[in-house]
Amino acid sequence: MLNQEKRTFNFDPSLIDEEQLFTELTAEEAAVIEGGNVLYLSSIKAVRTGGDSRGKDEPYLLLNGRRIWGWKSMSQGQTIGINQVFFEGSGTQNLQLWEYDPGPNNDDFMGSVRIDVSRLGSRTARFRAIVGGRMTAYDLKYIVAPKVG
């Protein structure tokens, strides 16, 4: 069970001038005031392919249910640069990795990650799945940065 302590503060905003208010903001707080952050996807690496019997995968990405990248054929060990901003704003975003297979409803779900766009920095999302009895692994490098301009 989570125990949270309630705190009450008495605060008179007239005691602080505007300049002081904005000089003590963190980068994350400043980004929210300025209109949010950006989610930049830099690259995807096929650590281990196996989504289909040919030894190649055709991965694609969905952000909040909308296809944003793919499907390019990838071999094991191959890295493809994405190098694109796909989201501007704040909040938590849902990113899913799928592997394309011909035919209706044949695509393989490889995993998902929730990205908090208020947390600045470079990260790697790791997707691991058993598809058709084979282990498949992908690493996606991304950056959350303050929106500029």
Protein backbone atom coordinates (compact mmCIF):
# COMPACT_ATOMS: atom_id res chain seq x y z
CA MET A 1 0.00 0.00 0.00
CA LEU A 2 1.27 3.44 -0.91
CA ASN A 3 1.44 5.90 1.95
CA GLN A 4 1.45 9.50 0.77
CA GLU A 5 1.94 12.42 3.09
CA LYS A 6 -0.22 15.46 2.42
CA ARG A 7 1.55 18.81 2.55
CA THR A 8 0.00 22.25 2.63
CA PHE A 9 1.90 25.41 1.80
CA ASN A 10 0.91 28.99 2.40
CA PHE A 11 2.23 31.01 -0.48
CA ASP A 12 1.91 34.66 -1.41
CA PRO A 13 2.86 35.03 -5.11
CA SER A 14 3.34 38.79 -4.71
CA LEU A 15 6.54 38.08 -2.75
CA ILE A 16 8.31 36.67 -5.83
CA ASP A 17 8.96 38.59 -9.03
CA GLU A 18 8.39 36.93 -12.45
CA GLU A 19 12.09 36.58 -13.24
CA GLN A 20 12.69 34.46 -10.18
CA LEU A 21 9.77 32.17 -11.05
CA PHE A 22 11.31 31.15 -14.37
CA THR A 23 14.95 30.91 -13.31
CA GLU A 24 14.34 27.94 -11.02
CA LEU A 25 12.52 25.69 -13.48
CA THR A 26 13.92 22.30 -14.45
CA ALA A 27 14.37 21.56 -18.17
CA GLU A 28 11.27 19.34 -18.05
CA GLU A 29 9.14 22.10 -16.46
CA ALA A 30 10.37 24.67 -18.96
CA ALA A 31 9.52 22.36 -21.87
CA VAL A 32 5.95 21.98 -20.65
CA ILE A 33 5.55 25.76 -20.43
CA GLU A 34 7.06 26.21 -23.90
CA GLY A 35 4.79 23.62 -25.51
CA GLY A 36 6.26 20.24 -24.63
CA ASN A 37 9.05 17.98 -25.72
CA VAL A 38 9.82 16.03 -28.87
CA LEU A 39 10.19 12.26 -29.31
CA TYR A 40 13.00 11.58 -31.78
CA LEU A 41 13.53 8.00 -33.00
CA SER A 42 17.16 7.60 -34.02
CA SER A 43 17.64 3.93 -35.03
CA ILE A 44 16.40 0.37 -34.80
CA LYS A 45 18.63 -2.71 -34.62
CA ALA A 46 17.57 -6.27 -35.44
CA VAL A 47 19.47 -8.01 -32.63
CA ARG A 48 17.90 -11.33 -33.57
CA THR A 49 15.47 -11.93 -36.43
CA GLY A 50 13.07 -14.82 -36.67
CA GLY A 51 9.61 -13.41 -37.25
CA ASP A 52 9.37 -15.44 -40.44
CA SER A 53 11.03 -18.52 -41.94
CA ARG A 54 13.10 -16.55 -44.51
CA GLY A 55 15.47 -15.19 -41.82
CA LYS A 56 14.40 -11.60 -42.46
CA ASP A 57 11.81 -9.51 -40.68
CA GLU A 58 9.73 -6.59 -41.89
CA PRO A 59 9.27 -4.57 -38.68
CA TYR A 60 7.06 -1.52 -38.35
CA LEU A 61 6.21 0.87 -35.52
CA LEU A 62 2.88 2.18 -34.24
CA LEU A 63 2.70 5.27 -32.03
CA ASN A 64 -0.62 5.45 -30.16
CA GLY A 65 -2.13 3.06 -32.72
CA ARG A 66 -0.93 4.95 -35.82
CA ARG A 67 1.74 3.51 -38.12
CA ILE A 68 4.75 5.85 -38.15
CA TRP A 69 7.59 3.80 -39.62
CA GLY A 70 8.37 0.58 -41.53
CA TRP A 71 8.28 -1.97 -42.93
CA LYS A 72 11.76 -2.34 -44.26
CA SER A 73 13.26 -5.80 -44.59
CA MET A 74 15.88 -6.35 -41.88
CA SER A 75 18.47 -9.07 -41.39
CA GLN A 76 19.95 -10.15 -38.07
CA GLY A 77 22.52 -7.62 -36.80
CA GLN A 78 21.37 -4.88 -39.17
CA THR A 79 20.76 -1.32 -37.93
CA ILE A 80 18.56 1.15 -39.81
CA GLY A 81 18.62 4.87 -39.10
CA ILE A 82 15.18 6.39 -38.57
CA ASN A 83 16.34 9.91 -37.62
CA GLN A 84 12.95 11.55 -37.35
CA VAL A 85 10.74 13.36 -34.83
CA PHE A 86 7.39 11.62 -34.49
CA PHE A 87 5.74 13.40 -31.58
CA GLU A 88 5.64 16.87 -30.05
CA GLY A 89 3.91 17.48 -26.75
CA SER A 90 3.79 15.91 -23.31
CA GLY A 91 2.36 12.87 -21.57
CA THR A 92 2.91 9.16 -21.97
CA GLN A 93 2.97 7.68 -25.47
CA ASN A 94 2.48 4.03 -26.43
CA LEU A 95 4.98 2.67 -28.98
CA GLN A 96 4.46 -0.81 -30.45
CA LEU A 97 6.70 -2.95 -32.67
CA TRP A 98 5.09 -5.34 -35.16
CA GLU A 99 6.45 -7.67 -37.84
CA TYR A 100 4.63 -7.67 -41.18
CA ASP A 101 3.45 -10.95 -42.70
CA PRO A 102 1.42 -11.17 -45.94
CA GLY A 103 -2.26 -11.91 -45.64
CA PRO A 104 -5.02 -10.55 -43.46
CA ASN A 105 -4.36 -10.45 -39.70
CA ASN A 106 -1.03 -12.30 -39.98
CA ASP A 107 1.25 -9.62 -38.48
CA ASP A 108 3.20 -10.57 -35.36
CA PHE A 109 3.17 -8.39 -32.23
CA MET A 110 6.75 -7.95 -30.96
CA GLY A 111 6.03 -5.82 -27.89
CA SER A 112 5.29 -2.33 -26.66
CA VAL A 113 6.84 0.35 -24.51
CA ARG A 114 5.30 3.38 -22.82
CA ILE A 115 7.42 6.49 -23.23
CA ASP A 116 7.02 9.36 -20.79
CA VAL A 117 7.71 12.39 -22.99
CA SER A 118 8.29 14.54 -19.90
CA ARG A 119 11.47 12.54 -19.07
CA LEU A 120 14.34 14.02 -21.07
CA GLY A 121 17.25 11.91 -22.28
CA SER A 122 18.50 9.17 -24.59
CA ARG A 123 17.18 5.66 -24.05
CA THR A 124 16.92 2.24 -25.66
CA ALA A 125 13.62 0.40 -25.85
CA ARG A 126 14.16 -3.36 -25.96
CA PHE A 127 11.59 -5.54 -27.70
CA ARG A 128 11.79 -9.31 -27.15
CA ALA A 129 9.22 -11.85 -28.38
CA ILE A 130 8.80 -15.50 -29.29
CA VAL A 131 7.31 -15.58 -32.79
CA GLY A 132 6.61 -18.88 -34.51
CA GLY A 133 8.75 -20.65 -31.91
CA ARG A 134 11.75 -18.38 -32.56
CA MET A 135 13.18 -15.66 -30.33
CA THR A 136 13.12 -12.22 -31.95
CA ALA A 137 14.88 -9.18 -30.46
CA TYR A 138 15.03 -5.51 -31.46
CA ASP A 139 16.59 -2.43 -29.86
CA LEU A 140 15.14 0.99 -30.65
CA LYS A 141 17.18 4.07 -29.73
CA TYR A 142 15.22 7.24 -29.02
CA ILE A 143 15.68 10.68 -27.51
CA VAL A 144 13.23 12.90 -25.63
CA ALA A 145 14.36 16.53 -25.90
CA PRO A 146 12.88 19.97 -25.30
CA LYS A 147 11.00 21.39 -28.27
CA VAL A 148 13.02 24.20 -29.82
CA GLY A 149 11.37 27.11 -31.54
